[in-house]
Amino acid sequence: MTLGETSALDLAARRLERAVAQLEQRLAARAAVAVASATASSASSSDLFDGEAARLKAELDAARERERALEDAGAQASAALGRAIAEIRAALGDEGPVNDDHPEDDCDLSDETDELFDDPREA
């Protein structure tokens, strides 16, 4: 090889090294952007998930509160119904138990029919 060919070869090698270095820099920059984008996307997904979880927790708490209120209202209605039954029985002179846990032998319904009225036209 001659001196001119060696310098041309060195020059080409240096240009190739520079091109490879620039390519590596660009790839590193794209990788950094991709990582930053993925991190931001993950963070926003995490924020969305956290927001959705908080909303669902609030809805669950509200539903539990409504359930407690309905249970309280049901207990109050049951107590009022029990008092009303006791008053009706007292007015009718039947001082038997207020609940239906007593034997059915004192309640003979064999004479009653399935119809509410004697004449169906009265309904």
C-alpha atoms as a PDB file:
ATOM      1  CA  MET A   1       0.000   0.000   0.000  1.00  0.00           C
ATOM      2  CA  THR A   2       1.108   3.441  -0.713  1.00  0.00           C
ATOM      3  CA  LEU A   3       1.046   6.404   1.535  1.00  0.00           C
ATOM      4  CA  GLY A   4      -1.975   7.874  -0.278  1.00  0.00           C
ATOM      5  CA  GLU A   5      -3.922   4.619  -0.004  1.00  0.00           C
ATOM      6  CA  THR A   6      -3.144   4.323   3.712  1.00  0.00           C
ATOM      7  CA  SER A   7      -4.352   7.819   4.446  1.00  0.00           C
ATOM      8  CA  ALA A   8      -7.516   7.246   2.372  1.00  0.00           C
ATOM      9  CA  LEU A   9      -8.110   4.002   4.261  1.00  0.00           C
ATOM     10  CA  ASP A  10      -7.526   5.738   7.623  1.00  0.00           C
ATOM     11  CA  LEU A  11      -9.859   8.524   6.568  1.00  0.00           C
ATOM     12  CA  ALA A  12     -12.598   6.017   5.631  1.00  0.00           C
ATOM     13  CA  ALA A  13     -12.109   4.142   8.925  1.00  0.00           C
ATOM     14  CA  ARG A  14     -12.440   7.384  10.909  1.00  0.00           C
ATOM     15  CA  ARG A  15     -15.602   8.340   9.016  1.00  0.00           C
ATOM     16  CA  LEU A  16     -17.014   4.865   9.697  1.00  0.00           C
ATOM     17  CA  GLU A  17     -16.162   5.178  13.406  1.00  0.00           C
ATOM     18  CA  ARG A  18     -17.841   8.602  13.533  1.00  0.00           C
ATOM     19  CA  ALA A  19     -20.932   7.259  11.783  1.00  0.00           C
ATOM     20  CA  VAL A  20     -21.113   4.319  14.183  1.00  0.00           C
ATOM     21  CA  ALA A  21     -20.684   6.682  17.155  1.00  0.00           C
ATOM     22  CA  GLN A  22     -23.474   8.954  15.861  1.00  0.00           C
ATOM     23  CA  LEU A  23     -25.710   5.943  15.284  1.00  0.00           C
ATOM     24  CA  GLU A  24     -25.071   4.742  18.856  1.00  0.00           C
ATOM     25  CA  GLN A  25     -25.894   8.222  20.189  1.00  0.00           C
ATOM     26  CA  ARG A  26     -29.142   8.370  18.233  1.00  0.00           C
ATOM     27  CA  LEU A  27     -30.128   4.881  19.385  1.00  0.00           C
ATOM     28  CA  ALA A  28     -29.356   5.824  22.994  1.00  0.00           C
ATOM     29  CA  ALA A  29     -31.437   9.020  22.631  1.00  0.00           C
ATOM     30  CA  ARG A  30     -34.380   7.079  21.151  1.00  0.00           C
ATOM     31  CA  ALA A  31     -34.111   4.496  23.923  1.00  0.00           C
ATOM     32  CA  ALA A  32     -34.136   7.279  26.523  1.00  0.00           C
ATOM     33  CA  VAL A  33     -37.219   8.835  24.919  1.00  0.00           C
ATOM     34  CA  ALA A  34     -38.924   5.437  24.792  1.00  0.00           C
ATOM     35  CA  VAL A  35     -38.143   4.780  28.465  1.00  0.00           C
ATOM     36  CA  ALA A  36     -39.360   8.247  29.449  1.00  0.00           C
ATOM     37  CA  SER A  37     -42.546   7.763  27.427  1.00  0.00           C
ATOM     38  CA  ALA A  38     -43.159   4.341  28.937  1.00  0.00           C
ATOM     39  CA  THR A  39     -42.557   5.707  32.419  1.00  0.00           C
ATOM     40  CA  ALA A  40     -44.943   8.598  31.808  1.00  0.00           C
ATOM     41  CA  SER A  41     -47.536   6.246  30.353  1.00  0.00           C
ATOM     42  CA  SER A  42     -47.112   3.914  33.300  1.00  0.00           C
ATOM     43  CA  ALA A  43     -47.434   6.818  35.714  1.00  0.00           C
ATOM     44  CA  SER A  44     -50.581   8.073  34.009  1.00  0.00           C
ATOM     45  CA  SER A  45     -51.978   4.528  33.960  1.00  0.00           C
ATOM     46  CA  SER A  46     -51.137   4.234  37.627  1.00  0.00           C
ATOM     47  CA  ASP A  47     -52.843   7.573  38.295  1.00  0.00           C
ATOM     48  CA  LEU A  48     -55.914   6.404  36.378  1.00  0.00           C
ATOM     49  CA  PHE A  49     -55.934   3.126  38.301  1.00  0.00           C
ATOM     50  CA  ASP A  50     -55.542   4.935  41.625  1.00  0.00           C
ATOM     51  CA  GLY A  51     -58.352   7.342  40.687  1.00  0.00           C
ATOM     52  CA  GLU A  52     -60.625   4.477  39.656  1.00  0.00           C
ATOM     53  CA  ALA A  53     -59.801   2.559  42.843  1.00  0.00           C
ATOM     54  CA  ALA A  54     -60.589   5.624  44.960  1.00  0.00           C
ATOM     55  CA  ARG A  55     -63.894   6.154  43.128  1.00  0.00           C
ATOM     56  CA  LEU A  56     -64.872   2.505  43.596  1.00  0.00           C
ATOM     57  CA  LYS A  57     -63.944   2.634  47.283  1.00  0.00           C
ATOM     58  CA  ALA A  58     -66.135   5.715  47.743  1.00  0.00           C
ATOM     59  CA  GLU A  59     -69.031   3.966  45.973  1.00  0.00           C
ATOM     60  CA  LEU A  60     -68.556   0.877  48.158  1.00  0.00           C
ATOM     61  CA  ASP A  61     -68.545   2.998  51.318  1.00  0.00           C
ATOM     62  CA  ALA A  62     -71.734   4.757  50.183  1.00  0.00           C
ATOM     63  CA  ALA A  63     -73.401   1.412  49.404  1.00  0.00           C
ATOM     64  CA  ARG A  64     -72.453   0.068  52.839  1.00  0.00           C
ATOM     65  CA  GLU A  65     -73.889   3.185  54.473  1.00  0.00           C
ATOM     66  CA  ARG A  66     -77.158   2.736  52.519  1.00  0.00           C
ATOM     67  CA  GLU A  67     -77.207  -0.921  53.577  1.00  0.00           C
ATOM     68  CA  ARG A  68     -76.863   0.073  57.255  1.00  0.00           C
ATOM     69  CA  ALA A  69     -79.620   2.673  56.864  1.00  0.00           C
ATOM     70  CA  LEU A  70     -81.917   0.108  55.227  1.00  0.00           C
ATOM     71  CA  GLU A  71     -81.184  -2.426  57.972  1.00  0.00           C
ATOM     72  CA  ASP A  72     -82.024   0.197  60.608  1.00  0.00           C
ATOM     73  CA  ALA A  73     -85.227   1.140  58.777  1.00  0.00           C
ATOM     74  CA  GLY A  74     -86.145  -2.547  58.458  1.00  0.00           C
ATOM     75  CA  ALA A  75     -85.577  -3.114  62.184  1.00  0.00           C
ATOM     76  CA  GLN A  76     -87.706  -0.070  63.026  1.00  0.00           C
ATOM     77  CA  ALA A  77     -90.459  -1.207  60.666  1.00  0.00           C
ATOM     78  CA  SER A  78     -90.362  -4.710  62.134  1.00  0.00           C
ATOM     79  CA  ALA A  79     -90.647  -3.335  65.660  1.00  0.00           C
ATOM     80  CA  ALA A  80     -93.530  -1.065  64.642  1.00  0.00           C
ATOM     81  CA  LEU A  81     -95.260  -3.968  62.911  1.00  0.00           C
ATOM     82  CA  GLY A  82     -94.827  -6.110  66.022  1.00  0.00           C
ATOM     83  CA  ARG A  83     -96.378  -3.385  68.171  1.00  0.00           C
ATOM     84  CA  ALA A  84     -99.252  -2.989  65.712  1.00  0.00           C
ATOM     85  CA  ILE A  85     -99.896  -6.749  65.716  1.00  0.00           C
ATOM     86  CA  ALA A  86     -99.870  -6.761  69.515  1.00  0.00           C
ATOM     87  CA  GLU A  87    -102.339  -3.859  69.619  1.00  0.00           C
ATOM     88  CA  ILE A  88    -104.643  -5.535  67.085  1.00  0.00           C
ATOM     89  CA  ARG A  89    -104.561  -8.810  69.002  1.00  0.00           C
ATOM     90  CA  ALA A  90    -105.218  -6.974  72.238  1.00  0.00           C
ATOM     91  CA  ALA A  91    -108.156  -5.171  70.651  1.00  0.00           C
ATOM     92  CA  LEU A  92    -109.517  -8.490  69.384  1.00  0.00           C
ATOM     93  CA  GLY A  93    -109.026 -10.079  72.792  1.00  0.00           C
ATOM     94  CA  ASP A  94    -106.355 -12.512  71.562  1.00  0.00           C
ATOM     95  CA  GLU A  95    -103.504 -12.235  74.031  1.00  0.00           C
ATOM     96  CA  GLY A  96    -101.490 -15.045  72.399  1.00  0.00           C
ATOM     97  CA  PRO A  97     -97.885 -14.711  71.330  1.00  0.00           C
ATOM     98  CA  VAL A  98     -97.060 -11.823  69.021  1.00  0.00           C
ATOM     99  CA  ASN A  99     -94.849 -13.840  66.681  1.00  0.00           C
ATOM    100  CA  ASP A 100     -95.662 -16.829  64.488  1.00  0.00           C
ATOM    101  CA  ASP A 101     -93.417 -19.256  66.351  1.00  0.00           C
ATOM    102  CA  HIS A 102     -96.330 -20.790  68.282  1.00  0.00           C
ATOM    103  CA  PRO A 103     -98.046 -24.049  67.187  1.00  0.00           C
ATOM    104  CA  GLU A 104    -100.564 -23.779  64.374  1.00  0.00           C
ATOM    105  CA  ASP A 105    -103.199 -25.911  66.184  1.00  0.00           C
ATOM    106  CA  ASP A 106    -105.047 -22.843  67.503  1.00  0.00           C
ATOM    107  CA  CYS A 107    -105.422 -21.474  63.971  1.00  0.00           C
ATOM    108  CA  ASP A 108    -107.964 -23.557  62.002  1.00  0.00           C
ATOM    109  CA  LEU A 109    -108.452 -22.129  58.508  1.00  0.00           C
ATOM    110  CA  SER A 110    -110.265 -25.120  56.995  1.00  0.00           C
ATOM    111  CA  ASP A 111    -113.554 -23.206  56.615  1.00  0.00           C
ATOM    112  CA  GLU A 112    -112.026 -20.350  54.642  1.00  0.00           C
ATOM    113  CA  THR A 113    -111.974 -20.230  50.862  1.00  0.00           C
ATOM    114  CA  ASP A 114    -109.196 -19.056  48.580  1.00  0.00           C
ATOM    115  CA  GLU A 115    -111.255 -16.132  47.311  1.00  0.00           C
ATOM    116  CA  LEU A 116    -111.025 -12.743  48.927  1.00  0.00           C
ATOM    117  CA  PHE A 117    -114.649 -11.811  48.241  1.00  0.00           C
ATOM    118  CA  ASP A 118    -117.829 -13.899  48.101  1.00  0.00           C
ATOM    119  CA  ASP A 119    -118.780 -12.383  44.775  1.00  0.00           C
ATOM    120  CA  PRO A 120    -115.890 -11.883  42.284  1.00  0.00           C
ATOM    121  CA  ARG A 121    -117.656  -8.819  40.890  1.00  0.00           C
ATOM    122  CA  GLU A 122    -117.139  -7.016  44.211  1.00  0.00           C
ATOM    123  CA  ALA A 123    -113.406  -6.859  43.586  1.00  0.00           C
END
